[in-house]
């Protein structure tokens, strides 16, 4: 009988995040239209990923999982920015 996959060790997580960071940053920057805002989105996404690695079930495709987190974080950023723009334009 085989045992279920184990969660990655912290050093493996750090290595994965370091390797994926440039690609994730480019993706976030393209989604939000700004390199600077893309960096902010990426940092938020990496925080969510670090928190999620500890509590997530074994992740079959960590790269896709990280891109999904980055994608959702960018969408949250864009929604927040649209709400702020709407509030400021109505004043």
C-alpha atoms as a PDB file:
ATOM      1  CA  UNK A   1       0.000   0.000   0.000  1.00  0.00           C
ATOM      2  CA  UNK A   2       1.371   3.444  -0.920  1.00  0.00           C
ATOM      3  CA  UNK A   3       1.119   6.413   1.360  1.00  0.00           C
ATOM      4  CA  UNK A   4      -0.589   9.622   0.178  1.00  0.00           C
ATOM      5  CA  UNK A   5       1.628  12.426  -1.175  1.00  0.00           C
ATOM      6  CA  UNK A   6       3.096  14.605   1.519  1.00  0.00           C
ATOM      7  CA  UNK A   7       2.986  18.397   1.596  1.00  0.00           C
ATOM      8  CA  UNK A   8       6.174  19.960   0.249  1.00  0.00           C
ATOM      9  CA  UNK A   9       8.884  20.818   2.745  1.00  0.00           C
ATOM     10  CA  UNK A  10       9.410  24.544   3.463  1.00  0.00           C
ATOM     11  CA  UNK A  11      12.680  24.561   1.514  1.00  0.00           C
ATOM     12  CA  UNK A  12      10.871  23.047  -1.489  1.00  0.00           C
ATOM     13  CA  UNK A  13       8.181  25.730  -1.238  1.00  0.00           C
ATOM     14  CA  UNK A  14      10.806  28.477  -1.070  1.00  0.00           C
ATOM     15  CA  UNK A  15      12.621  27.055  -4.092  1.00  0.00           C
ATOM     16  CA  UNK A  16       9.374  26.757  -6.071  1.00  0.00           C
ATOM     17  CA  UNK A  17       8.327  30.323  -5.257  1.00  0.00           C
ATOM     18  CA  UNK A  18      11.771  31.662  -6.160  1.00  0.00           C
ATOM     19  CA  UNK A  19      11.740  29.809  -9.473  1.00  0.00           C
ATOM     20  CA  UNK A  20       8.181  30.872 -10.336  1.00  0.00           C
ATOM     21  CA  UNK A  21       8.413  34.494  -9.186  1.00  0.00           C
ATOM     22  CA  UNK A  22       9.518  36.076 -12.508  1.00  0.00           C
ATOM     23  CA  UNK A  23       6.787  34.292 -14.482  1.00  0.00           C
ATOM     24  CA  UNK A  24       4.162  35.115 -11.866  1.00  0.00           C
ATOM     25  CA  UNK A  25       5.242  38.765 -11.827  1.00  0.00           C
ATOM     26  CA  UNK A  26       4.952  39.053 -15.601  1.00  0.00           C
ATOM     27  CA  UNK A  27       1.518  37.451 -15.447  1.00  0.00           C
ATOM     28  CA  UNK A  28       0.296  39.770 -12.680  1.00  0.00           C
ATOM     29  CA  UNK A  29       1.723  42.857 -14.387  1.00  0.00           C
ATOM     30  CA  UNK A  30      -0.044  41.962 -17.635  1.00  0.00           C
ATOM     31  CA  UNK A  31      -3.314  41.332 -15.835  1.00  0.00           C
ATOM     32  CA  UNK A  32      -3.335  44.661 -13.988  1.00  0.00           C
ATOM     33  CA  UNK A  33      -1.576  46.734 -16.664  1.00  0.00           C
ATOM     34  CA  UNK A  34       1.285  47.989 -14.512  1.00  0.00           C
ATOM     35  CA  UNK A  35       4.629  46.555 -13.440  1.00  0.00           C
ATOM     36  CA  UNK A  36       4.401  48.334 -10.086  1.00  0.00           C
ATOM     37  CA  UNK A  37       0.850  47.207  -9.346  1.00  0.00           C
ATOM     38  CA  UNK A  38       1.805  43.753 -10.620  1.00  0.00           C
ATOM     39  CA  UNK A  39       4.500  43.586  -7.942  1.00  0.00           C
ATOM     40  CA  UNK A  40       1.948  44.472  -5.256  1.00  0.00           C
ATOM     41  CA  UNK A  41      -0.467  41.832  -6.550  1.00  0.00           C
ATOM     42  CA  UNK A  42       2.320  39.259  -6.688  1.00  0.00           C
ATOM     43  CA  UNK A  43       3.342  39.940  -3.102  1.00  0.00           C
ATOM     44  CA  UNK A  44      -0.265  39.492  -1.969  1.00  0.00           C
ATOM     45  CA  UNK A  45      -0.503  36.267  -3.991  1.00  0.00           C
ATOM     46  CA  UNK A  46       2.729  34.905  -2.508  1.00  0.00           C
ATOM     47  CA  UNK A  47       1.477  35.592   1.005  1.00  0.00           C
ATOM     48  CA  UNK A  48      -1.737  33.704   0.202  1.00  0.00           C
ATOM     49  CA  UNK A  49       0.294  30.850  -1.280  1.00  0.00           C
ATOM     50  CA  UNK A  50       2.555  30.576   1.760  1.00  0.00           C
ATOM     51  CA  UNK A  51      -0.480  30.503   4.045  1.00  0.00           C
ATOM     52  CA  UNK A  52      -2.205  27.993   1.788  1.00  0.00           C
ATOM     53  CA  UNK A  53       0.692  25.559   1.444  1.00  0.00           C
ATOM     54  CA  UNK A  54       0.458  24.703   5.115  1.00  0.00           C
ATOM     55  CA  UNK A  55      -3.271  24.003   5.083  1.00  0.00           C
ATOM     56  CA  UNK A  56      -3.838  22.745   1.527  1.00  0.00           C
ATOM     57  CA  UNK A  57      -4.246  19.122   0.636  1.00  0.00           C
ATOM     58  CA  UNK A  58      -1.328  17.729  -1.360  1.00  0.00           C
ATOM     59  CA  UNK A  59      -1.063  19.850  -4.495  1.00  0.00           C
ATOM     60  CA  UNK A  60      -0.784  17.834  -7.687  1.00  0.00           C
ATOM     61  CA  UNK A  61       0.328  20.751  -9.909  1.00  0.00           C
ATOM     62  CA  UNK A  62       1.953  23.479  -7.778  1.00  0.00           C
ATOM     63  CA  UNK A  63       2.671  25.764 -10.745  1.00  0.00           C
ATOM     64  CA  UNK A  64      -0.964  25.809 -11.862  1.00  0.00           C
ATOM     65  CA  UNK A  65      -2.014  26.300  -8.230  1.00  0.00           C
ATOM     66  CA  UNK A  66       0.276  29.338  -7.915  1.00  0.00           C
ATOM     67  CA  UNK A  67      -0.995  30.829 -11.171  1.00  0.00           C
ATOM     68  CA  UNK A  68      -4.587  30.345  -9.984  1.00  0.00           C
ATOM     69  CA  UNK A  69      -3.808  32.219  -6.766  1.00  0.00           C
ATOM     70  CA  UNK A  70      -2.076  35.000  -8.746  1.00  0.00           C
ATOM     71  CA  UNK A  71      -4.999  35.178 -11.183  1.00  0.00           C
ATOM     72  CA  UNK A  72      -7.606  35.447  -8.437  1.00  0.00           C
ATOM     73  CA  UNK A  73      -5.536  38.013  -6.542  1.00  0.00           C
ATOM     74  CA  UNK A  74      -5.213  40.127  -9.709  1.00  0.00           C
ATOM     75  CA  UNK A  75      -8.979  39.941 -10.284  1.00  0.00           C
ATOM     76  CA  UNK A  76      -9.558  41.068  -6.685  1.00  0.00           C
ATOM     77  CA  UNK A  77      -7.166  43.978  -7.259  1.00  0.00           C
ATOM     78  CA  UNK A  78      -8.946  45.004 -10.479  1.00  0.00           C
ATOM     79  CA  UNK A  79     -12.374  44.853  -8.832  1.00  0.00           C
ATOM     80  CA  UNK A  80     -11.120  46.932  -5.905  1.00  0.00           C
ATOM     81  CA  UNK A  81      -9.576  49.487  -8.284  1.00  0.00           C
ATOM     82  CA  UNK A  82     -12.807  49.714 -10.315  1.00  0.00           C
ATOM     83  CA  UNK A  83     -14.826  50.329  -7.145  1.00  0.00           C
ATOM     84  CA  UNK A  84     -12.395  53.038  -6.036  1.00  0.00           C
ATOM     85  CA  UNK A  85     -12.467  54.684  -9.462  1.00  0.00           C
ATOM     86  CA  UNK A  86     -16.280  54.640  -9.453  1.00  0.00           C
ATOM     87  CA  UNK A  87     -16.385  56.235  -6.001  1.00  0.00           C
ATOM     88  CA  UNK A  88     -13.941  58.958  -6.996  1.00  0.00           C
ATOM     89  CA  UNK A  89     -15.678  59.732 -10.285  1.00  0.00           C
ATOM     90  CA  UNK A  90     -19.065  60.201  -8.583  1.00  0.00           C
ATOM     91  CA  UNK A  91     -17.750  62.843  -6.181  1.00  0.00           C
END
